[in-house]
């Protein structure tokens, strides 16, 4: 179990758009930024990722093979199956290659074209969670990434440390959970309208 905390980066120059509370608004107010004291253990972060992936798998499973493989009639929309498949690719790449230093073959574009039986994808999600937990367990949160960097500048936020890369995984899966919830709702509404017509 990795109980090391992923430290907040406070020794960097502040983001120009980020309020620093350097001018207290009320008497006795602290000059500490709102995120200066935030910390999360690797185990806690992995638990949040696990919970989010479980929620995504539940949605995809609840839609079944037909709806899970449909794309909403919206420009650039992805199917629920593809959204979850993409998140598994994110976990494998960022946890496996960037954090653990393992070579990962990834076809990101193919993730968004993926389709298939829901049961197999749910099984893959369970395996991806186990692999991500193992990759994260060996992380040095403040250490530099171990694996080759993707086509990004080394000073990108996601690449500042192994902890930053793990936070990027959490960022990705949580934002795609919201996308998946909306996609489910649109697909169900369209299916209901079609059966009522």
N, C-alpha and C. Protein backbone atom coordinates (compact mmCIF):
# COMPACT_ATOMS: atom_id res chain seq x y z
N UNK A 1 0.84 -1.18 0.00
CA UNK A 1 0.00 0.00 0.00
C UNK A 1 0.89 1.25 0.00
N UNK A 2 0.63 2.16 -0.88
CA UNK A 2 1.41 3.39 -0.98
C UNK A 2 0.64 4.51 -0.31
N UNK A 3 1.08 4.88 0.88
CA UNK A 3 0.41 5.92 1.64
C UNK A 3 1.13 7.26 1.52
N UNK A 4 2.14 7.33 0.63
CA UNK A 4 2.80 8.61 0.42
C UNK A 4 1.79 9.61 -0.11
N UNK A 5 1.91 10.83 0.35
CA UNK A 5 1.00 11.86 -0.14
C UNK A 5 1.53 12.45 -1.44
N UNK A 6 0.61 12.77 -2.31
CA UNK A 6 0.94 13.49 -3.53
C UNK A 6 0.91 14.96 -3.12
N UNK A 7 2.08 15.59 -3.03
CA UNK A 7 2.11 16.96 -2.52
C UNK A 7 1.56 17.95 -3.52
N UNK A 8 1.02 19.01 -2.99
CA UNK A 8 0.58 20.11 -3.83
C UNK A 8 1.83 20.88 -4.24
N UNK A 9 1.87 21.35 -5.46
CA UNK A 9 3.04 22.07 -5.95
C UNK A 9 2.89 23.52 -5.54
N UNK A 10 3.63 23.93 -4.49
CA UNK A 10 3.49 25.30 -3.99
C UNK A 10 4.73 26.15 -4.22
N UNK A 11 5.82 25.53 -4.68
CA UNK A 11 7.03 26.32 -4.88
C UNK A 11 7.17 26.80 -6.32
N UNK A 12 6.17 26.56 -7.13
CA UNK A 12 6.18 27.03 -8.52
C UNK A 12 5.58 28.43 -8.58
N UNK A 13 5.83 29.13 -9.67
CA UNK A 13 5.22 30.44 -9.85
C UNK A 13 3.71 30.26 -9.96
N UNK A 14 2.93 31.13 -9.33
CA UNK A 14 1.49 30.98 -9.40
C UNK A 14 0.97 31.18 -10.81
N UNK A 15 -0.09 30.50 -11.09
CA UNK A 15 -0.79 30.65 -12.35
C UNK A 15 -1.36 32.06 -12.40
N UNK A 16 -1.16 32.81 -13.50
CA UNK A 16 -1.64 34.19 -13.55
C UNK A 16 -3.13 34.31 -13.28
N UNK A 17 -3.90 33.32 -13.61
CA UNK A 17 -5.34 33.38 -13.39
C UNK A 17 -5.77 32.83 -12.05
N UNK A 18 -4.82 32.48 -11.19
CA UNK A 18 -5.11 31.82 -9.93
C UNK A 18 -5.04 32.82 -8.78
N UNK A 19 -6.12 32.96 -8.06
CA UNK A 19 -6.14 33.86 -6.91
C UNK A 19 -5.28 33.28 -5.80
N UNK A 20 -4.43 34.10 -5.22
CA UNK A 20 -3.52 33.60 -4.19
C UNK A 20 -3.89 34.05 -2.80
N UNK A 21 -4.94 34.82 -2.66
CA UNK A 21 -5.35 35.33 -1.36
C UNK A 21 -4.23 36.13 -0.70
N UNK A 22 -3.36 36.79 -1.49
CA UNK A 22 -2.28 37.57 -0.91
C UNK A 22 -2.82 38.82 -0.21
N UNK A 23 -4.03 39.23 -0.57
CA UNK A 23 -4.68 40.35 0.11
C UNK A 23 -5.88 39.81 0.85
N UNK A 24 -5.72 39.53 2.15
CA UNK A 24 -6.84 38.97 2.90
C UNK A 24 -8.07 39.85 2.80
N UNK A 25 -9.23 39.22 2.67
CA UNK A 25 -10.47 39.96 2.52
C UNK A 25 -11.09 40.32 3.87
N UNK A 26 -10.73 39.61 4.92
CA UNK A 26 -11.31 39.91 6.22
C UNK A 26 -10.20 39.83 7.27
N UNK A 27 -10.46 40.41 8.37
CA UNK A 27 -9.48 40.42 9.46
C UNK A 27 -9.16 38.99 9.88
N UNK A 28 -7.88 38.70 10.02
CA UNK A 28 -7.46 37.37 10.46
C UNK A 28 -7.40 36.34 9.36
N UNK A 29 -7.73 36.73 8.13
CA UNK A 29 -7.71 35.77 7.02
C UNK A 29 -6.26 35.37 6.72
N UNK A 30 -6.08 34.15 6.36
CA UNK A 30 -4.75 33.60 6.07
C UNK A 30 -4.29 34.02 4.68
N UNK A 31 -2.97 34.10 4.51
CA UNK A 31 -2.44 34.38 3.18
C UNK A 31 -2.13 33.08 2.44
N UNK A 32 -2.55 31.94 2.99
CA UNK A 32 -2.32 30.64 2.36
C UNK A 32 -3.33 30.46 1.23
N UNK A 33 -2.82 30.03 0.07
CA UNK A 33 -3.72 29.75 -1.06
C UNK A 33 -4.64 28.61 -0.69
N UNK A 34 -5.77 28.54 -1.36
CA UNK A 34 -6.77 27.52 -1.04
C UNK A 34 -6.25 26.10 -1.25
N UNK A 35 -5.23 25.91 -2.09
CA UNK A 35 -4.76 24.55 -2.37
C UNK A 35 -3.39 24.24 -1.75
N UNK A 36 -2.85 25.14 -0.95
CA UNK A 36 -1.53 24.91 -0.39
C UNK A 36 -1.47 23.73 0.58
N UNK A 37 -2.56 23.40 1.22
CA UNK A 37 -2.53 22.35 2.22
C UNK A 37 -3.25 21.08 1.76
N UNK A 38 -3.50 20.98 0.49
CA UNK A 38 -4.18 19.81 -0.04
C UNK A 38 -3.17 18.69 -0.24
N UNK A 39 -3.51 17.51 0.19
CA UNK A 39 -2.68 16.34 -0.03
C UNK A 39 -3.58 15.13 -0.12
N UNK A 40 -3.17 14.15 -0.88
CA UNK A 40 -3.93 12.93 -1.01
C UNK A 40 -2.93 11.79 -1.16
N UNK A 41 -3.21 10.68 -0.51
CA UNK A 41 -2.29 9.55 -0.64
C UNK A 41 -2.53 8.85 -1.97
N UNK A 42 -1.53 8.13 -2.41
CA UNK A 42 -1.67 7.36 -3.65
C UNK A 42 -2.82 6.36 -3.51
N UNK A 43 -2.92 5.72 -2.34
CA UNK A 43 -4.02 4.76 -2.13
C UNK A 43 -5.38 5.43 -2.26
N UNK A 44 -5.51 6.64 -1.71
CA UNK A 44 -6.79 7.35 -1.81
C UNK A 44 -7.09 7.69 -3.27
N UNK A 45 -6.08 8.17 -3.99
CA UNK A 45 -6.28 8.51 -5.39
C UNK A 45 -6.73 7.28 -6.18
N UNK A 46 -6.07 6.15 -5.95
CA UNK A 46 -6.44 4.92 -6.67
C UNK A 46 -7.88 4.52 -6.32
N UNK A 47 -8.28 4.71 -5.07
CA UNK A 47 -9.65 4.39 -4.67
C UNK A 47 -10.67 5.24 -5.43
N UNK A 48 -10.35 6.52 -5.63
CA UNK A 48 -11.23 7.38 -6.41
C UNK A 48 -11.30 6.91 -7.87
N UNK A 49 -10.15 6.53 -8.43
CA UNK A 49 -10.14 6.03 -9.80
C UNK A 49 -10.97 4.75 -9.89
N UNK A 50 -10.76 3.83 -8.93
CA UNK A 50 -11.53 2.58 -8.90
C UNK A 50 -13.03 2.85 -8.90
N UNK A 51 -13.44 3.73 -8.00
CA UNK A 51 -14.87 4.03 -7.87
C UNK A 51 -15.43 4.63 -9.16
N UNK A 52 -14.66 5.51 -9.78
CA UNK A 52 -15.12 6.13 -11.02
C UNK A 52 -15.23 5.11 -12.15
N UNK A 53 -14.25 4.23 -12.27
CA UNK A 53 -14.29 3.19 -13.31
C UNK A 53 -15.45 2.23 -13.05
N UNK A 54 -15.71 1.91 -11.79
CA UNK A 54 -16.87 1.06 -11.46
C UNK A 54 -18.17 1.71 -11.90
N UNK A 55 -18.30 3.02 -11.66
CA UNK A 55 -19.51 3.73 -12.08
C UNK A 55 -19.65 3.71 -13.60
N UNK A 56 -18.54 3.87 -14.30
CA UNK A 56 -18.58 3.84 -15.75
C UNK A 56 -18.97 2.45 -16.25
N UNK A 57 -18.40 1.43 -15.64
CA UNK A 57 -18.73 0.05 -16.03
C UNK A 57 -20.20 -0.25 -15.77
N UNK A 58 -20.74 0.27 -14.66
CA UNK A 58 -22.16 0.07 -14.36
C UNK A 58 -23.05 0.71 -15.42
N UNK A 59 -22.67 1.91 -15.86
CA UNK A 59 -23.44 2.59 -16.90
C UNK A 59 -23.41 1.80 -18.20
N UNK A 60 -22.22 1.41 -18.61
CA UNK A 60 -22.08 0.66 -19.87
C UNK A 60 -22.83 -0.66 -19.77
N UNK A 61 -22.69 -1.35 -18.63
CA UNK A 61 -23.40 -2.61 -18.45
C UNK A 61 -24.91 -2.43 -18.47
N UNK A 62 -25.38 -1.33 -17.88
CA UNK A 62 -26.82 -1.05 -17.85
C UNK A 62 -27.39 -0.73 -19.23
N UNK A 63 -26.56 -0.24 -20.12
CA UNK A 63 -27.02 0.08 -21.48
C UNK A 63 -27.12 -1.15 -22.35
N UNK A 64 -26.33 -2.17 -22.05
CA UNK A 64 -26.34 -3.38 -22.88
C UNK A 64 -25.55 -3.19 -24.17
N UNK A 65 -25.38 -4.28 -24.88
CA UNK A 65 -24.53 -4.26 -26.09
C UNK A 65 -24.99 -3.27 -27.15
N UNK A 66 -26.31 -3.14 -27.34
CA UNK A 66 -26.80 -2.28 -28.40
C UNK A 66 -26.55 -0.80 -28.11
N UNK A 67 -27.13 -0.29 -27.02
CA UNK A 67 -26.99 1.13 -26.73
C UNK A 67 -25.55 1.51 -26.38
N UNK A 68 -24.82 0.65 -25.72
CA UNK A 68 -23.45 0.97 -25.33
C UNK A 68 -22.55 1.18 -26.54
N UNK A 69 -22.91 0.62 -27.67
CA UNK A 69 -22.10 0.75 -28.88
C UNK A 69 -22.64 1.80 -29.85
N UNK A 70 -23.66 2.54 -29.45
CA UNK A 70 -24.20 3.60 -30.29
C UNK A 70 -23.56 4.94 -29.97
N UNK A 71 -23.48 5.77 -30.99
CA UNK A 71 -23.01 7.14 -30.80
C UNK A 71 -24.24 8.05 -30.86
N UNK A 72 -24.34 9.00 -29.93
CA UNK A 72 -25.45 9.96 -30.02
C UNK A 72 -25.35 10.75 -31.33
N UNK A 73 -26.47 11.24 -31.79
CA UNK A 73 -26.52 12.01 -33.03
C UNK A 73 -26.05 13.44 -32.76
N UNK A 74 -24.81 13.56 -32.35
CA UNK A 74 -24.19 14.86 -32.07
C UNK A 74 -22.81 14.87 -32.73
N UNK A 75 -22.37 16.00 -33.22
CA UNK A 75 -21.06 16.06 -33.88
C UNK A 75 -19.94 15.63 -32.94
N UNK A 76 -19.12 14.70 -33.40
CA UNK A 76 -17.96 14.25 -32.64
C UNK A 76 -18.26 13.39 -31.42
N UNK A 77 -19.50 12.95 -31.27
CA UNK A 77 -19.86 12.16 -30.09
C UNK A 77 -19.24 10.77 -30.15
N UNK A 78 -19.01 10.22 -28.97
CA UNK A 78 -18.47 8.87 -28.84
C UNK A 78 -19.49 7.95 -28.19
N UNK A 79 -19.37 6.69 -28.47
CA UNK A 79 -20.25 5.72 -27.83
C UNK A 79 -19.82 5.51 -26.38
N UNK A 80 -20.73 5.07 -25.52
CA UNK A 80 -20.34 4.75 -24.14
C UNK A 80 -19.22 3.72 -24.09
N UNK A 81 -19.27 2.73 -24.97
CA UNK A 81 -18.22 1.71 -25.03
C UNK A 81 -16.86 2.36 -25.29
N UNK A 82 -16.82 3.26 -26.27
CA UNK A 82 -15.56 3.91 -26.63
C UNK A 82 -15.05 4.81 -25.51
N UNK A 83 -15.96 5.49 -24.81
CA UNK A 83 -15.54 6.37 -23.71
C UNK A 83 -14.84 5.55 -22.63
N UNK A 84 -15.45 4.43 -22.24
CA UNK A 84 -14.82 3.59 -21.22
C UNK A 84 -13.52 2.98 -21.74
N UNK A 85 -13.52 2.53 -22.99
CA UNK A 85 -12.28 1.96 -23.56
C UNK A 85 -11.15 2.98 -23.54
N UNK A 86 -11.47 4.23 -23.86
CA UNK A 86 -10.48 5.30 -23.83
C UNK A 86 -9.92 5.48 -22.41
N UNK A 87 -10.79 5.46 -21.41
CA UNK A 87 -10.33 5.63 -20.03
C UNK A 87 -9.40 4.50 -19.60
N UNK A 88 -9.66 3.29 -20.07
CA UNK A 88 -8.76 2.18 -19.76
C UNK A 88 -7.40 2.41 -20.42
N UNK A 89 -7.39 2.99 -21.61
CA UNK A 89 -6.14 3.33 -22.28
C UNK A 89 -5.37 4.41 -21.53
N UNK A 90 -6.10 5.39 -20.99
CA UNK A 90 -5.48 6.45 -20.19
C UNK A 90 -4.79 5.84 -18.97
N UNK A 91 -5.50 4.96 -18.27
CA UNK A 91 -4.95 4.33 -17.06
C UNK A 91 -3.70 3.52 -17.39
N UNK A 92 -3.76 2.76 -18.47
CA UNK A 92 -2.62 1.92 -18.86
C UNK A 92 -1.41 2.75 -19.25
N UNK A 93 -1.64 3.79 -20.06
CA UNK A 93 -0.52 4.60 -20.54
C UNK A 93 0.10 5.42 -19.41
N UNK A 94 -0.72 6.19 -18.71
CA UNK A 94 -0.18 7.10 -17.70
C UNK A 94 0.31 6.35 -16.47
N UNK A 95 -0.40 5.30 -16.08
CA UNK A 95 0.05 4.51 -14.94
C UNK A 95 1.20 3.59 -15.30
N UNK A 96 1.08 2.93 -16.44
CA UNK A 96 2.08 1.94 -16.84
C UNK A 96 3.34 2.55 -17.40
N UNK A 97 3.20 3.45 -18.35
CA UNK A 97 4.40 4.00 -19.00
C UNK A 97 4.97 5.21 -18.26
N UNK A 98 4.15 6.19 -17.98
CA UNK A 98 4.67 7.43 -17.40
C UNK A 98 5.07 7.24 -15.93
N UNK A 99 4.25 6.50 -15.16
CA UNK A 99 4.56 6.31 -13.74
C UNK A 99 5.47 5.11 -13.51
N UNK A 100 5.09 3.94 -14.04
CA UNK A 100 5.84 2.71 -13.74
C UNK A 100 7.03 2.49 -14.66
N UNK A 101 7.06 3.17 -15.81
CA UNK A 101 8.20 3.02 -16.72
C UNK A 101 8.12 1.81 -17.62
N UNK A 102 6.95 1.20 -17.73
CA UNK A 102 6.75 0.03 -18.58
C UNK A 102 6.36 0.50 -19.98
N UNK A 103 6.93 -0.10 -21.01
CA UNK A 103 6.57 0.26 -22.38
C UNK A 103 5.12 -0.14 -22.64
N UNK A 104 4.33 0.80 -23.12
CA UNK A 104 2.91 0.56 -23.38
C UNK A 104 2.63 0.89 -24.84
N UNK A 105 2.09 -0.07 -25.55
CA UNK A 105 1.66 0.16 -26.94
C UNK A 105 0.22 0.65 -26.89
N UNK A 106 -0.01 1.86 -27.36
CA UNK A 106 -1.34 2.45 -27.28
C UNK A 106 -1.72 3.04 -28.62
N UNK A 107 -2.94 2.73 -29.06
CA UNK A 107 -3.51 3.36 -30.25
C UNK A 107 -4.69 4.19 -29.77
N UNK A 108 -4.40 5.43 -29.41
CA UNK A 108 -5.43 6.30 -28.83
C UNK A 108 -6.62 6.48 -29.76
N UNK A 109 -6.36 6.66 -31.06
CA UNK A 109 -7.46 6.84 -32.01
C UNK A 109 -8.37 5.62 -32.05
N UNK A 110 -7.78 4.43 -31.95
CA UNK A 110 -8.59 3.20 -31.98
C UNK A 110 -9.49 3.10 -30.76
N UNK A 111 -9.09 3.69 -29.64
CA UNK A 111 -9.93 3.65 -28.44
C UNK A 111 -11.29 4.28 -28.73
N UNK A 112 -11.31 5.33 -29.54
CA UNK A 112 -12.56 6.04 -29.82
C UNK A 112 -13.39 5.35 -30.91
N UNK A 113 -12.80 4.38 -31.60
CA UNK A 113 -13.54 3.58 -32.58
C UNK A 113 -13.95 2.22 -32.02
N UNK A 114 -13.53 1.92 -30.80
CA UNK A 114 -13.75 0.59 -30.21
C UNK A 114 -15.23 0.27 -30.08
N UNK A 115 -15.53 -0.99 -30.26
CA UNK A 115 -16.90 -1.50 -30.11
C UNK A 115 -16.79 -2.98 -29.78
N UNK A 116 -17.84 -3.52 -29.18
CA UNK A 116 -17.82 -4.94 -28.86
C UNK A 116 -18.77 -5.28 -27.74
N UNK A 117 -18.69 -6.51 -27.26
CA UNK A 117 -19.58 -6.95 -26.19
C UNK A 117 -19.26 -6.24 -24.87
N UNK A 118 -20.29 -5.80 -24.20
CA UNK A 118 -20.16 -5.08 -22.94
C UNK A 118 -19.48 -5.94 -21.87
N UNK A 119 -19.83 -7.21 -21.80
CA UNK A 119 -19.27 -8.08 -20.75
C UNK A 119 -17.75 -8.13 -20.82
N UNK A 120 -17.20 -8.22 -22.01
CA UNK A 120 -15.74 -8.26 -22.16
C UNK A 120 -15.10 -6.94 -21.73
N UNK A 121 -15.77 -5.83 -22.02
CA UNK A 121 -15.23 -4.52 -21.63
C UNK A 121 -15.27 -4.36 -20.11
N UNK A 122 -16.31 -4.82 -19.48
CA UNK A 122 -16.41 -4.73 -18.02
C UNK A 122 -15.31 -5.58 -17.38
N UNK A 123 -15.05 -6.74 -17.94
CA UNK A 123 -13.95 -7.58 -17.45
C UNK A 123 -12.61 -6.87 -17.64
N UNK A 124 -12.43 -6.22 -18.79
CA UNK A 124 -11.20 -5.47 -19.04
C UNK A 124 -11.06 -4.31 -18.06
N UNK A 125 -12.17 -3.69 -17.67
CA UNK A 125 -12.13 -2.59 -16.71
C UNK A 125 -11.65 -3.09 -15.35
N UNK A 126 -12.10 -4.26 -14.95
CA UNK A 126 -11.65 -4.82 -13.66
C UNK A 126 -10.14 -5.10 -13.70
N UNK A 127 -9.67 -5.63 -14.80
CA UNK A 127 -8.23 -5.90 -14.94
C UNK A 127 -7.43 -4.61 -14.97
N UNK A 128 -7.97 -3.60 -15.65
CA UNK A 128 -7.27 -2.30 -15.73
C UNK A 128 -7.14 -1.67 -14.36
N UNK A 129 -8.16 -1.82 -13.52
CA UNK A 129 -8.09 -1.28 -12.16
C UNK A 129 -6.97 -1.97 -11.37
N UNK A 130 -6.87 -3.28 -11.49
CA UNK A 130 -5.81 -4.02 -10.78
C UNK A 130 -4.43 -3.59 -11.26
N UNK A 131 -4.27 -3.47 -12.57
CA UNK A 131 -2.98 -3.06 -13.13
C UNK A 131 -2.62 -1.65 -12.68
N UNK A 132 -3.60 -0.74 -12.72
CA UNK A 132 -3.34 0.63 -12.31
C UNK A 132 -2.95 0.68 -10.83
N UNK A 133 -3.61 -0.11 -10.00
CA UNK A 133 -3.28 -0.15 -8.57
C UNK A 133 -1.82 -0.60 -8.39
N UNK A 134 -1.41 -1.62 -9.13
CA UNK A 134 -0.02 -2.10 -9.02
C UNK A 134 0.97 -1.04 -9.51
N UNK A 135 0.64 -0.40 -10.64
CA UNK A 135 1.52 0.65 -11.16
C UNK A 135 1.65 1.80 -10.17
N UNK A 136 0.53 2.20 -9.59
CA UNK A 136 0.53 3.34 -8.67
C UNK A 136 1.23 2.99 -7.35
N UNK A 137 1.17 1.73 -6.95
CA UNK A 137 1.78 1.32 -5.67
C UNK A 137 3.28 1.59 -5.65
N UNK A 138 3.93 1.55 -6.78
CA UNK A 138 5.37 1.80 -6.84
C UNK A 138 5.73 3.23 -7.16
N UNK A 139 4.73 4.12 -7.17
CA UNK A 139 4.98 5.51 -7.56
C UNK A 139 5.74 6.27 -6.49
N UNK A 140 6.60 7.15 -6.96
CA UNK A 140 7.23 8.15 -6.10
C UNK A 140 6.56 9.46 -6.44
N UNK A 141 5.56 9.88 -5.67
CA UNK A 141 4.73 11.02 -6.07
C UNK A 141 5.49 12.28 -6.48
N UNK A 142 6.60 12.60 -5.82
CA UNK A 142 7.32 13.81 -6.19
C UNK A 142 8.48 13.54 -7.15
N UNK A 143 8.69 12.27 -7.50
CA UNK A 143 9.77 11.91 -8.43
C UNK A 143 9.36 12.20 -9.87
N UNK A 144 10.34 12.41 -10.75
CA UNK A 144 10.00 12.64 -12.16
C UNK A 144 9.42 11.37 -12.79
N UNK A 145 8.66 11.52 -13.88
CA UNK A 145 8.12 10.35 -14.57
C UNK A 145 9.23 9.37 -14.94
N UNK A 146 8.91 8.08 -14.89
CA UNK A 146 9.91 7.04 -15.20
C UNK A 146 9.95 6.71 -16.68
N UNK A 147 8.81 6.76 -17.32
CA UNK A 147 8.74 6.31 -18.71
C UNK A 147 8.83 7.45 -19.70
N UNK A 148 8.98 7.09 -20.96
CA UNK A 148 9.03 8.10 -22.02
C UNK A 148 7.78 8.97 -21.99
N UNK A 149 8.00 10.22 -22.23
CA UNK A 149 6.88 11.15 -22.21
C UNK A 149 6.14 11.12 -23.55
N UNK A 150 4.84 11.34 -23.47
CA UNK A 150 4.10 11.46 -24.74
C UNK A 150 4.52 12.73 -25.45
N UNK A 151 3.93 13.03 -26.57
CA UNK A 151 4.29 14.21 -27.34
C UNK A 151 3.91 15.50 -26.65
N UNK A 152 4.45 15.69 -25.46
CA UNK A 152 4.16 16.88 -24.67
C UNK A 152 5.48 17.46 -24.17
N UNK A 153 5.47 18.74 -23.88
CA UNK A 153 6.65 19.39 -23.30
C UNK A 153 6.85 18.85 -21.88
N UNK A 154 8.11 18.61 -21.47
CA UNK A 154 8.36 18.08 -20.13
C UNK A 154 7.85 18.97 -18.99
N UNK A 155 7.57 20.25 -19.28
CA UNK A 155 7.09 21.13 -18.22
C UNK A 155 5.56 21.20 -18.16
N UNK A 156 4.89 20.35 -18.94
CA UNK A 156 3.43 20.28 -18.85
C UNK A 156 3.05 19.78 -17.46
N UNK A 157 1.94 20.26 -16.94
CA UNK A 157 1.51 19.92 -15.58
C UNK A 157 1.49 18.42 -15.33
N UNK A 158 1.01 17.64 -16.31
CA UNK A 158 0.88 16.19 -16.15
C UNK A 158 2.22 15.49 -16.00
N UNK A 159 3.29 16.15 -16.42
CA UNK A 159 4.61 15.53 -16.44
C UNK A 159 5.57 16.10 -15.39
N UNK A 160 5.08 16.92 -14.49
CA UNK A 160 5.96 17.51 -13.48
C UNK A 160 6.46 16.47 -12.49
N UNK A 161 5.67 15.42 -12.27
CA UNK A 161 6.05 14.38 -11.32
C UNK A 161 5.18 13.15 -11.57
N UNK A 162 5.55 12.03 -10.94
CA UNK A 162 4.70 10.85 -11.02
C UNK A 162 3.35 11.13 -10.36
N UNK A 163 3.35 11.91 -9.29
CA UNK A 163 2.09 12.29 -8.65
C UNK A 163 1.20 13.08 -9.59
N UNK A 164 1.79 13.98 -10.36
CA UNK A 164 1.02 14.76 -11.33
C UNK A 164 0.41 13.86 -12.40
N UNK A 165 1.16 12.85 -12.83
CA UNK A 165 0.65 11.91 -13.83
C UNK A 165 -0.53 11.12 -13.26
N UNK A 166 -0.42 10.71 -11.99
CA UNK A 166 -1.54 9.99 -11.36
C UNK A 166 -2.77 10.89 -11.24
N UNK A 167 -2.55 12.15 -10.87
CA UNK A 167 -3.67 13.08 -10.80
C UNK A 167 -4.31 13.28 -12.17
N UNK A 168 -3.50 13.22 -13.22
CA UNK A 168 -4.04 13.34 -14.57
C UNK A 168 -4.99 12.17 -14.88
N UNK A 169 -4.65 10.97 -14.42
CA UNK A 169 -5.55 9.83 -14.61
C UNK A 169 -6.88 10.11 -13.92
N UNK A 170 -6.83 10.59 -12.68
CA UNK A 170 -8.05 10.91 -11.95
C UNK A 170 -8.86 11.97 -12.68
N UNK A 171 -8.17 12.99 -13.18
CA UNK A 171 -8.83 14.05 -13.95
C UNK A 171 -9.56 13.47 -15.16
N UNK A 172 -8.88 12.63 -15.90
CA UNK A 172 -9.45 12.07 -17.12
C UNK A 172 -10.67 11.18 -16.84
N UNK A 173 -10.54 10.26 -15.90
CA UNK A 173 -11.66 9.33 -15.67
C UNK A 173 -12.86 10.05 -15.10
N UNK A 174 -12.65 11.06 -14.25
CA UNK A 174 -13.80 11.76 -13.69
C UNK A 174 -14.49 12.63 -14.73
N UNK A 175 -13.73 13.30 -15.59
CA UNK A 175 -14.41 14.10 -16.62
C UNK A 175 -15.13 13.21 -17.61
N UNK A 176 -14.57 12.04 -17.92
CA UNK A 176 -15.24 11.15 -18.86
C UNK A 176 -16.44 10.44 -18.22
N UNK A 177 -16.46 10.30 -16.89
CA UNK A 177 -17.66 9.79 -16.24
C UNK A 177 -18.82 10.74 -16.49
N UNK A 178 -18.58 12.04 -16.35
CA UNK A 178 -19.63 13.01 -16.64
C UNK A 178 -20.08 12.94 -18.08
N UNK A 179 -19.14 12.81 -18.99
CA UNK A 179 -19.47 12.67 -20.41
C UNK A 179 -20.31 11.42 -20.64
N UNK A 180 -19.94 10.34 -19.98
CA UNK A 180 -20.66 9.08 -20.14
C UNK A 180 -22.07 9.17 -19.58
N UNK A 181 -22.25 9.87 -18.46
CA UNK A 181 -23.59 10.04 -17.90
C UNK A 181 -24.49 10.80 -18.86
N UNK A 182 -23.97 11.86 -19.45
CA UNK A 182 -24.75 12.62 -20.42
C UNK A 182 -25.03 11.81 -21.68
N UNK A 183 -24.03 11.06 -22.14
CA UNK A 183 -24.20 10.22 -23.32
C UNK A 183 -25.28 9.18 -23.09
N UNK A 184 -25.26 8.54 -21.92
CA UNK A 184 -26.30 7.57 -21.56
C UNK A 184 -27.68 8.21 -21.64
N UNK A 185 -27.82 9.41 -21.05
CA UNK A 185 -29.12 10.07 -21.02
C UNK A 185 -29.61 10.41 -22.42
N UNK A 186 -28.72 10.88 -23.27
CA UNK A 186 -29.09 11.22 -24.65
C UNK A 186 -29.52 9.96 -25.41
N UNK A 187 -28.75 8.88 -25.26
CA UNK A 187 -29.07 7.64 -25.96
C UNK A 187 -30.39 7.06 -25.49
N UNK A 188 -30.63 7.09 -24.19
CA UNK A 188 -31.91 6.55 -23.67
C UNK A 188 -33.08 7.40 -24.14
N UNK A 189 -32.92 8.72 -24.15
CA UNK A 189 -34.00 9.59 -24.62
C UNK A 189 -34.29 9.33 -26.09
N UNK A 190 -33.25 9.17 -26.90
CA UNK A 190 -33.45 8.90 -28.33
C UNK A 190 -34.12 7.55 -28.53
N UNK A 191 -33.72 6.54 -27.73
CA UNK A 191 -34.32 5.21 -27.86
C UNK A 191 -35.79 5.24 -27.45
N UNK A 192 -36.11 6.00 -26.40
CA UNK A 192 -37.51 6.13 -25.96
C UNK A 192 -38.35 6.84 -27.00
N UNK A 193 -37.79 7.91 -27.57
CA UNK A 193 -38.53 8.65 -28.61
C UNK A 193 -38.76 7.79 -29.82
N UNK A 194 -37.78 6.96 -30.17
CA UNK A 194 -37.91 6.07 -31.32
C UNK A 194 -38.96 5.00 -31.10
N UNK A 195 -39.04 4.47 -29.88
CA UNK A 195 -40.01 3.40 -29.62
C UNK A 195 -41.41 3.97 -29.45
N UNK A 196 -41.52 5.27 -29.05
CA UNK A 196 -42.83 5.89 -28.90
C UNK A 196 -43.39 6.35 -30.24
N UNK A 197 -42.49 6.57 -31.22
CA UNK A 197 -42.92 7.09 -32.52
C UNK A 197 -43.44 6.02 -33.37
